[in-house]
Protein backbone atom coordinates (compact mmCIF):
# COMPACT_ATOMS: atom_id res chain seq x y z
CA MET A 1 -30.22 -17.97 -47.63
CA VAL A 2 -28.58 -15.93 -44.85
CA ASP A 3 -29.78 -16.46 -41.29
CA LYS A 4 -30.78 -12.92 -40.31
CA SER A 5 -31.69 -13.76 -36.71
CA HIS A 6 -27.99 -14.27 -35.88
CA TRP A 7 -27.01 -10.88 -37.29
CA THR A 8 -29.97 -9.21 -35.60
CA SER A 9 -28.87 -10.51 -32.20
CA VAL A 10 -25.27 -9.45 -32.85
CA GLY A 11 -26.46 -6.01 -33.93
CA ALA A 12 -28.54 -5.71 -30.78
CA LEU A 13 -25.54 -6.51 -28.58
CA LEU A 14 -23.17 -3.98 -30.16
CA PRO A 15 -24.82 -0.87 -28.60
CA ALA A 16 -24.87 -2.63 -25.23
CA GLY A 17 -21.13 -3.30 -25.54
CA ALA A 18 -20.48 0.30 -26.53
CA ALA A 19 -22.50 1.55 -23.55
CA PHE A 20 -20.53 -0.74 -21.21
CA LEU A 21 -17.17 0.47 -22.56
CA THR A 22 -18.26 4.10 -22.29
CA ALA A 23 -19.45 3.56 -18.71
CA SER A 24 -16.20 1.88 -17.74
CA CYS A 25 -14.29 4.95 -18.91
CA CYS A 26 -16.65 7.64 -17.64
CA LEU A 27 -18.08 6.00 -14.53
CA PRO A 28 -15.02 6.58 -12.27
CA LEU A 29 -14.92 10.24 -13.27
CA GLY A 30 -18.65 10.60 -12.62
CA LEU A 31 -18.37 8.92 -9.23
CA GLY A 32 -15.51 11.25 -8.32
CA VAL A 33 -17.60 14.29 -9.22
CA LEU A 34 -20.39 12.97 -6.99
CA GLY A 35 -17.94 12.55 -4.12
CA LEU A 36 -17.94 8.78 -4.20
CA SER A 37 -14.38 7.62 -3.86
CA SER A 38 -12.70 4.34 -3.11
CA ALA A 39 -13.18 5.13 0.59
CA THR A 40 -16.94 5.12 0.07
CA LEU A 41 -16.80 1.99 -2.05
CA SER A 42 -14.76 0.24 0.67
CA GLN A 43 -18.11 -0.62 2.25
CA LEU A 44 -18.16 -3.50 -0.23
CA ILE A 45 -15.20 -5.23 1.47
CA PRO A 46 -17.42 -7.59 3.52
CA LEU A 47 -18.88 -8.85 0.23
CA ARG A 48 -15.44 -9.67 -1.22
CA PRO A 49 -15.46 -13.42 -0.42
CA TYR A 50 -18.89 -13.83 -2.02
CA LEU A 51 -17.90 -11.84 -5.09
CA LEU A 52 -14.67 -13.85 -5.45
CA GLY A 53 -16.68 -17.07 -5.14
CA LEU A 54 -19.05 -15.82 -7.84
CA THR A 55 -16.06 -14.98 -10.04
CA VAL A 56 -14.59 -18.47 -9.62
CA ALA A 57 -17.97 -20.10 -10.31
CA LEU A 58 -18.53 -18.06 -13.47
CA LEU A 59 -15.00 -18.78 -14.70
CA ALA A 60 -15.55 -22.49 -14.04
CA VAL A 61 -18.73 -22.41 -16.13
CA ALA A 62 -16.92 -20.52 -18.89
CA PHE A 63 -14.06 -23.04 -18.93
CA TYR A 64 -16.51 -25.93 -19.01
CA GLN A 65 -18.44 -24.39 -21.91
CA THR A 66 -15.22 -23.67 -23.81
CA TYR A 67 -13.50 -27.03 -23.34
CA LYS A 68 -16.44 -29.45 -23.30
CA PRO A 69 -16.42 -32.00 -26.11
CA VAL A 70 -18.59 -31.05 -29.05
CA VAL A 71 -21.15 -33.67 -29.99
CA THR A 72 -22.45 -33.11 -33.49
CA GLY A 73 -24.82 -36.05 -33.63
CA GLU A 74 -23.91 -36.49 -37.27
CA GLU A 75 -21.62 -39.31 -38.19
CA CYS A 76 -19.51 -39.29 -41.32
CA ALA A 77 -21.15 -41.76 -43.61
CA PRO A 78 -19.03 -43.19 -46.40
CA GLY A 79 -19.31 -41.03 -49.50
CA THR A 80 -20.60 -37.95 -47.63
CA ALA A 81 -18.80 -34.84 -46.46
CA CYS A 82 -17.89 -34.67 -42.78
CA PRO A 83 -18.90 -31.57 -40.82
CA THR A 84 -16.08 -29.10 -40.28
CA PRO A 85 -15.08 -28.83 -36.61
CA VAL A 86 -15.57 -25.40 -35.08
CA SER A 87 -12.46 -23.67 -33.78
CA HIS A 88 -12.62 -22.16 -30.31
CA ARG A 89 -9.12 -20.69 -30.49
CA TRP A 90 -10.01 -17.02 -29.92
CA GLN A 91 -12.60 -17.88 -27.30
CA ARG A 92 -9.97 -19.81 -25.36
CA ILE A 93 -7.40 -17.02 -25.71
CA PHE A 94 -9.80 -14.43 -24.33
CA LEU A 95 -10.96 -16.76 -21.56
CA TRP A 96 -7.39 -17.33 -20.37
CA ALA A 97 -6.72 -13.57 -20.53
CA ILE A 98 -9.80 -12.87 -18.42
CA ALA A 99 -8.79 -15.59 -15.95
CA ALA A 100 -5.31 -14.04 -15.64
CA VAL A 101 -6.74 -10.55 -15.05
CA SER A 102 -9.16 -11.98 -12.49
CA LEU A 103 -6.29 -13.69 -10.67
CA VAL A 104 -4.26 -10.48 -10.56
CA LEU A 105 -7.22 -8.48 -9.25
CA ALA A 106 -8.18 -11.15 -6.71
CA THR A 107 -4.67 -11.22 -5.22
CA LEU A 108 -4.09 -7.46 -5.45
CA PRO A 109 -4.64 -6.70 -1.72
CA TYR A 110 -1.98 -9.25 -0.76
CA TRP A 111 0.91 -7.99 -2.88
CA ILE A 112 0.22 -4.30 -3.56
CA SER A 113 1.50 -3.16 -0.15
CA TRP A 114 4.72 -5.13 -0.73
CA LEU A 115 5.10 -3.48 -4.14
CA ILE A 116 4.54 0.02 -2.72
CA TYR A 117 7.01 -0.63 0.10
CA TRP A 118 9.78 -1.74 -2.26
CA ALA A 119 9.08 1.13 -4.64
CA ALA A 120 9.60 3.56 -1.75
CA VAL A 121 12.75 1.76 -0.56
CA LEU A 122 14.33 1.76 -4.01
CA GLU A 123 13.40 5.39 -4.63
CA GLY A 124 15.26 6.76 -1.73
């Protein structure tokens, strides 16, 4: 028998994911129409250390959940089939990708001015 509660929860999350992706594409345009620019959003700069700390804490929890040892509680008895270990390969790939993007965005204020300077120097 198929466990329908799993598929129901997955089906409930798909519209939420679609709404998030739509908002991430349309939200900057909508904020620009309303006159909210990056200058207005710069009021969030005092919160940057707290938000970076929250990012590091959430990534630490995600890494712990991904790499913690799996305890099945079921031992392989002689003459019985052993449970198949679950692969976390894709979860780990996406977690490392998110950690890399977070690192780039967290260090952006420190190296973007250097990048702009050298782009202007090399251009002319």
